[in-house]
Amino acid sequence: MTDKSGRLYLCPTPIGNLEDISMRVLRVLRECDVIACEDTRHTLKLLNHFEIKNKLTSYHEHNKDRKKHSIAQKVRDGQKVALVTDAGMPGISDPGEDMVKLCIEENLPFEVLPGPSAFVNALVASGLSSRRFVFEGFLDRNKKERNAALERIAGETRTTIIYEAPHRLKKTLLDLQKILGERECVLCRELTKRYEEHIRGNAQYLISHYESLDPRGEYVLVIEGGRQAKKECTDDMIKDLLNDCARQGMRNKEAVKFVAEETGVSRNRIYSLSIKTNR
């Protein structure tokens, strides 16, 4: 690195398979002045695998309020700091979020490198709608906050993604069973590893799956969105939507399909109105 100024690099690390690390991340980990990591023992295993020798400093949920300022000072002093989490993208359900906020507040340079993130893998592998989704991360342990999150999921029409630890999985599934009904769920575990698994079914099915099994590993649960109550759409409302699609460069066939999915109105009616609109 020839740039003399300090910089923070957010470096995603593999969520399982070590081959998923990028050449760019490896270069930054080798060339930076120090690596801030969630668990020094865990990160040391990764560095040893790629024969990287570098200084480590801890930065995690329990010391972030104190440590983020010392990391920021290193950047101000002209050092290049790589920030990693145990697995995946720093800042996603991770105190890297606080470090980024501090950099923005103090106008310190930082760069986010692309790479692995468990919720993206799980969403795509689920086969559920990826066009509109919401990421809840880990449900809060506080009962009030947890119940608020469950209420959001109950009324959510987008695909919902949550993380869960193995020792809390069964309780979370029981809580979700009360609000989800027959909505499809996909429980993903051991992502990118040899025994990657995707268990598909409603919450009741997932509960029965683990009646005689102890959950192991970190889990990502992908939940189908609920059905949105259909609203009465006037011809003018449909025409406005079609005009919006046209302004975005959609062909007529694409626009008809999009509006049908958004409104629940039959394609024949929308197609008829699209012809009148295009005259």
Protein backbone atom coordinates (compact mmCIF):
# COMPACT_ATOMS: atom_id res chain seq x y z
CA MET A 1 0.00 0.00 0.00
CA THR A 2 1.59 3.23 -1.11
CA ASP A 3 -1.02 5.55 0.39
CA LYS A 4 0.49 7.22 3.49
CA SER A 5 -2.84 8.10 5.11
CA GLY A 6 -4.50 5.85 7.67
CA ARG A 7 -7.61 3.87 6.80
CA LEU A 8 -9.98 1.33 8.31
CA TYR A 9 -10.72 -1.73 6.15
CA LEU A 10 -13.78 -3.87 6.90
CA CYS A 11 -12.72 -7.33 5.76
CA PRO A 12 -15.30 -10.14 5.39
CA THR A 13 -14.03 -13.59 6.35
CA PRO A 14 -15.38 -17.03 5.38
CA ILE A 15 -18.57 -18.23 7.06
CA GLY A 16 -17.34 -21.81 6.78
CA ASN A 17 -15.30 -22.73 3.73
CA LEU A 18 -11.90 -21.02 3.89
CA GLU A 19 -11.69 -20.95 0.09
CA ASP A 20 -14.32 -18.20 0.08
CA ILE A 21 -11.89 -15.51 1.24
CA SER A 22 -10.94 -13.07 -1.51
CA MET A 23 -7.44 -12.29 -2.75
CA ARG A 24 -8.07 -8.65 -1.93
CA VAL A 25 -8.93 -9.41 1.70
CA LEU A 26 -5.81 -11.56 2.01
CA ARG A 27 -3.68 -8.73 0.65
CA VAL A 28 -5.13 -6.22 3.13
CA LEU A 29 -4.67 -8.64 6.05
CA ARG A 30 -1.00 -9.05 5.09
CA GLU A 31 -0.26 -5.39 4.48
CA CYS A 32 -2.19 -3.62 7.25
CA ASP A 33 -0.51 -2.46 10.46
CA VAL A 34 -2.91 -4.24 12.79
CA ILE A 35 -5.96 -6.52 12.63
CA ALA A 36 -8.88 -5.82 14.98
CA CYS A 37 -10.85 -9.01 15.54
CA GLU A 38 -13.74 -10.41 17.55
CA ASP A 39 -11.83 -13.41 18.94
CA THR A 40 -8.03 -13.39 18.60
CA ARG A 41 -7.84 -17.20 18.89
CA HIS A 42 -10.36 -17.70 16.09
CA THR A 43 -8.72 -15.16 13.79
CA LEU A 44 -5.27 -16.58 14.49
CA LYS A 45 -6.41 -19.93 13.05
CA LEU A 46 -7.48 -18.16 9.86
CA LEU A 47 -4.21 -16.23 9.59
CA ASN A 48 -2.12 -19.35 10.23
CA HIS A 49 -3.98 -21.20 7.47
CA PHE A 50 -2.93 -18.51 4.98
CA GLU A 51 0.52 -18.03 6.57
CA ILE A 52 -0.17 -14.41 7.54
CA LYS A 53 1.87 -12.91 10.35
CA ASN A 54 0.40 -9.70 11.75
CA LYS A 55 -0.50 -7.93 14.98
CA LEU A 56 -3.90 -8.64 16.49
CA THR A 57 -6.04 -6.58 18.83
CA SER A 58 -9.45 -7.51 20.20
CA TYR A 59 -12.61 -5.61 19.30
CA HIS A 60 -15.91 -7.16 20.32
CA GLU A 61 -19.31 -6.46 21.85
CA HIS A 62 -17.99 -6.22 25.41
CA ASN A 63 -15.12 -3.80 24.80
CA LYS A 64 -16.33 -1.84 21.77
CA ASP A 65 -17.19 1.39 23.63
CA ARG A 66 -13.62 1.68 24.89
CA LYS A 67 -11.72 0.04 22.04
CA LYS A 68 -13.31 1.86 19.10
CA HIS A 69 -11.64 5.10 20.14
CA SER A 70 -8.17 3.54 20.29
CA ILE A 71 -8.73 2.01 16.83
CA ALA A 72 -9.86 5.39 15.51
CA GLN A 73 -6.68 6.93 16.95
CA LYS A 74 -4.56 4.42 15.04
CA VAL A 75 -6.27 5.52 11.82
CA ARG A 76 -5.69 9.17 12.70
CA ASP A 77 -2.01 8.34 13.31
CA GLY A 78 -1.72 7.04 9.75
CA GLN A 79 -2.06 3.32 10.41
CA LYS A 80 -4.03 0.91 8.27
CA VAL A 81 -6.37 -1.19 10.39
CA ALA A 82 -8.22 -4.30 9.16
CA LEU A 83 -11.44 -5.08 11.03
CA VAL A 84 -12.73 -8.66 10.90
CA THR A 85 -15.46 -10.63 12.63
CA ASP A 86 -15.34 -14.36 13.38
CA ALA A 87 -17.27 -15.08 10.20
CA GLY A 88 -18.90 -13.02 7.48
CA MET A 89 -19.22 -9.27 6.99
CA PRO A 90 -18.18 -6.93 9.83
CA GLY A 91 -21.08 -4.66 10.75
CA ILE A 92 -23.83 -7.24 10.15
CA SER A 93 -25.14 -8.19 13.63
CA ASP A 94 -21.69 -7.17 14.80
CA PRO A 95 -20.01 -4.22 16.61
CA GLY A 96 -18.30 -3.25 13.35
CA GLU A 97 -21.43 -1.12 12.91
CA ASP A 98 -20.28 1.13 15.78
CA MET A 99 -16.82 1.48 14.26
CA VAL A 100 -18.25 2.64 10.94
CA LYS A 101 -20.49 5.20 12.67
CA LEU A 102 -17.47 6.60 14.52
CA CYS A 103 -15.49 6.88 11.29
CA ILE A 104 -18.35 8.78 9.66
CA GLU A 105 -18.72 11.10 12.67
CA GLU A 106 -14.99 11.87 12.79
CA ASN A 107 -14.49 11.93 9.01
CA LEU A 108 -11.99 9.07 9.09
CA PRO A 109 -11.41 7.13 5.86
CA PHE A 110 -12.76 3.59 5.73
CA GLU A 111 -13.40 1.01 3.04
CA VAL A 112 -15.77 -1.97 2.97
CA LEU A 113 -14.43 -4.96 1.05
CA PRO A 114 -16.99 -7.31 -0.54
CA GLY A 115 -17.28 -10.88 0.62
CA PRO A 116 -19.25 -13.61 2.40
CA SER A 117 -22.40 -12.94 4.42
CA ALA A 118 -24.52 -15.78 5.79
CA PHE A 119 -27.93 -14.15 5.32
CA VAL A 120 -27.36 -13.65 1.57
CA ASN A 121 -26.43 -17.31 1.06
CA ALA A 122 -29.43 -18.44 3.07
CA LEU A 123 -31.87 -16.16 1.25
CA VAL A 124 -30.81 -17.33 -2.19
CA ALA A 125 -30.72 -21.01 -1.16
CA SER A 126 -34.17 -20.79 0.44
CA GLY A 127 -35.96 -20.42 -2.87
CA LEU A 128 -38.29 -17.89 -1.23
CA SER A 129 -38.83 -14.45 -2.73
CA SER A 130 -35.60 -12.43 -2.77
CA ARG A 131 -37.16 -9.42 -4.50
CA ARG A 132 -38.22 -7.84 -1.22
CA PHE A 133 -36.85 -8.98 2.12
CA VAL A 134 -36.07 -7.75 5.64
CA PHE A 135 -33.16 -8.81 7.84
CA GLU A 136 -33.89 -8.99 11.60
CA GLY A 137 -30.53 -10.44 12.70
CA PHE A 138 -30.61 -12.05 16.16
CA LEU A 139 -33.86 -11.61 18.08
CA ASP A 140 -33.32 -9.52 21.18
CA ARG A 141 -33.05 -11.38 24.51
CA ASN A 142 -35.06 -8.64 26.19
CA LYS A 143 -38.63 -9.96 26.35
CA LYS A 144 -40.25 -6.66 25.33
CA GLU A 145 -37.94 -6.14 22.34
CA ARG A 146 -38.24 -9.78 21.35
CA ASN A 147 -42.05 -9.64 21.35
CA ALA A 148 -41.94 -6.46 19.27
CA ALA A 149 -39.76 -8.24 16.69
CA LEU A 150 -42.14 -11.22 16.61
CA GLU A 151 -45.08 -8.87 16.00
CA ARG A 152 -43.20 -7.31 13.08
CA ILE A 153 -42.56 -10.74 11.60
CA ALA A 154 -46.23 -11.68 12.05
CA GLY A 155 -47.34 -8.71 9.93
CA GLU A 156 -44.44 -8.76 7.47
CA THR A 157 -45.28 -9.35 3.80
CA ARG A 158 -41.62 -9.47 2.76
CA THR A 159 -39.35 -12.48 3.26
CA THR A 160 -37.82 -12.26 6.75
CA ILE A 161 -34.34 -13.48 7.72
CA ILE A 162 -33.18 -14.05 11.29
CA TYR A 163 -30.07 -15.50 12.90
CA GLU A 164 -30.32 -17.88 15.84
CA ALA A 165 -27.91 -19.67 18.17
CA PRO A 166 -28.41 -23.43 18.67
CA HIS A 167 -29.31 -23.22 22.37
CA ARG A 168 -32.18 -20.79 21.62
CA LEU A 169 -33.43 -22.35 18.38
CA LYS A 170 -36.20 -24.54 19.82
CA LYS A 171 -37.70 -21.70 21.87
CA THR A 172 -37.64 -19.38 18.86
CA LEU A 173 -39.40 -21.98 16.71
CA LEU A 174 -42.09 -22.39 19.37
CA ASP A 175 -42.60 -18.61 19.49
CA LEU A 176 -42.81 -18.43 15.70
CA GLN A 177 -45.27 -21.31 15.51
CA LYS A 178 -47.86 -19.16 17.30
CA ILE A 179 -47.71 -16.38 14.71
CA LEU A 180 -46.74 -17.94 11.38
CA GLY A 181 -49.41 -20.55 10.74
CA GLU A 182 -48.62 -22.43 7.54
CA ARG A 183 -46.08 -19.96 6.21
CA GLU A 184 -43.08 -21.66 4.60
CA CYS A 185 -39.75 -21.53 6.46
CA VAL A 186 -36.27 -22.66 5.48
CA LEU A 187 -33.77 -23.38 8.25
CA CYS A 188 -30.18 -23.21 7.01
CA ARG A 189 -27.18 -24.57 8.94
CA GLU A 190 -23.50 -25.24 8.29
CA LEU A 191 -23.55 -22.84 5.33
CA THR A 192 -20.67 -23.38 2.86
CA LYS A 193 -19.42 -26.35 4.90
CA ARG A 194 -19.34 -30.03 3.98
CA TYR A 195 -22.61 -30.86 5.72
CA GLU A 196 -24.58 -27.78 4.68
CA GLU A 197 -28.27 -28.40 5.30
CA HIS A 198 -31.54 -26.72 4.35
CA ILE A 199 -34.65 -27.90 6.21
CA ARG A 200 -37.89 -26.77 4.57
CA GLY A 201 -41.37 -26.67 6.08
CA ASN A 202 -43.57 -24.62 8.38
CA ALA A 203 -42.62 -23.87 11.98
CA GLN A 204 -44.50 -26.94 13.26
CA TYR A 205 -42.50 -29.18 10.93
CA LEU A 206 -39.20 -27.64 12.05
CA ILE A 207 -40.17 -28.17 15.71
CA SER A 208 -40.92 -31.84 15.03
CA HIS A 209 -37.61 -32.19 13.17
CA TYR A 210 -35.74 -31.23 16.33
CA GLU A 211 -37.84 -33.23 18.81
CA SER A 212 -35.12 -35.87 19.07
CA LEU A 213 -32.15 -33.84 17.81
CA ASP A 214 -29.99 -31.29 19.55
CA PRO A 215 -29.43 -28.21 17.34
CA ARG A 216 -25.76 -27.68 16.49
CA GLY A 217 -24.01 -24.86 14.68
CA GLU A 218 -25.21 -21.39 13.82
CA TYR A 219 -28.59 -21.10 12.10
CA VAL A 220 -30.18 -18.78 9.58
CA LEU A 221 -33.97 -18.96 9.38
CA VAL A 222 -35.69 -17.63 6.26
CA ILE A 223 -39.44 -17.01 6.61
CA GLU A 224 -41.96 -16.55 3.82
CA GLY A 225 -43.77 -13.23 3.82
CA GLY A 226 -47.46 -13.16 4.73
CA ARG A 227 -50.13 -12.42 2.19
CA GLN A 228 -51.01 -8.77 1.81
CA ALA A 229 -54.67 -7.91 1.93
CA LYS A 230 -55.77 -6.91 -1.54
CA LYS A 231 -56.77 -3.30 -1.93
CA GLU A 232 -59.43 -2.14 -4.34
CA CYS A 233 -57.55 -0.71 -7.31
CA THR A 234 -59.25 1.77 -9.59
CA ASP A 235 -58.39 1.99 -13.28
CA ASP A 236 -56.62 5.29 -12.64
CA MET A 237 -54.43 3.70 -9.95
CA ILE A 238 -53.44 0.90 -12.31
CA LYS A 239 -52.68 3.35 -15.12
CA ASP A 240 -50.47 5.38 -12.78
CA LEU A 241 -48.51 2.24 -11.91
CA LEU A 242 -48.15 1.35 -15.57
CA ASN A 243 -46.88 4.85 -16.33
CA ASP A 244 -44.33 4.51 -13.51
CA CYS A 245 -43.13 1.24 -15.03
CA ALA A 246 -42.83 2.85 -18.46
CA ARG A 247 -40.72 5.67 -17.03
CA GLN A 248 -38.40 3.04 -15.56
CA GLY A 249 -37.93 1.54 -19.02
CA MET A 250 -40.02 -1.61 -18.56
CA ARG A 251 -41.52 -3.26 -21.60
CA ASN A 252 -45.30 -3.58 -21.60
CA LYS A 253 -45.25 -7.32 -20.80
CA GLU A 254 -42.92 -6.77 -17.86
CA ALA A 255 -45.02 -3.87 -16.58
CA VAL A 256 -48.25 -5.92 -16.70
CA LYS A 257 -46.62 -8.74 -14.74
CA PHE A 258 -45.17 -6.33 -12.16
CA VAL A 259 -48.45 -4.50 -11.57
CA ALA A 260 -50.34 -7.80 -11.29
CA GLU A 261 -47.93 -9.01 -8.59
CA GLU A 262 -48.15 -5.71 -6.71
CA THR A 263 -51.92 -5.33 -6.78
CA GLY A 264 -53.39 -8.81 -7.14
CA VAL A 265 -55.46 -7.55 -10.08
CA SER A 266 -55.85 -9.95 -13.03
CA ARG A 267 -53.37 -9.59 -15.87
CA ASN A 268 -56.19 -9.42 -18.42
CA ARG A 269 -57.60 -6.29 -16.81
CA ILE A 270 -54.17 -4.69 -16.51
CA TYR A 271 -53.26 -5.60 -20.09
CA SER A 272 -56.50 -4.05 -21.35
CA LEU A 273 -55.74 -0.83 -19.47
CA SER A 274 -52.14 -0.83 -20.72
CA ILE A 275 -53.34 -0.79 -24.31
CA LYS A 276 -55.62 2.17 -23.57
CA THR A 277 -52.74 3.94 -21.79
CA ASN A 278 -50.38 3.45 -24.73
CA ARG A 279 -52.77 4.85 -27.33
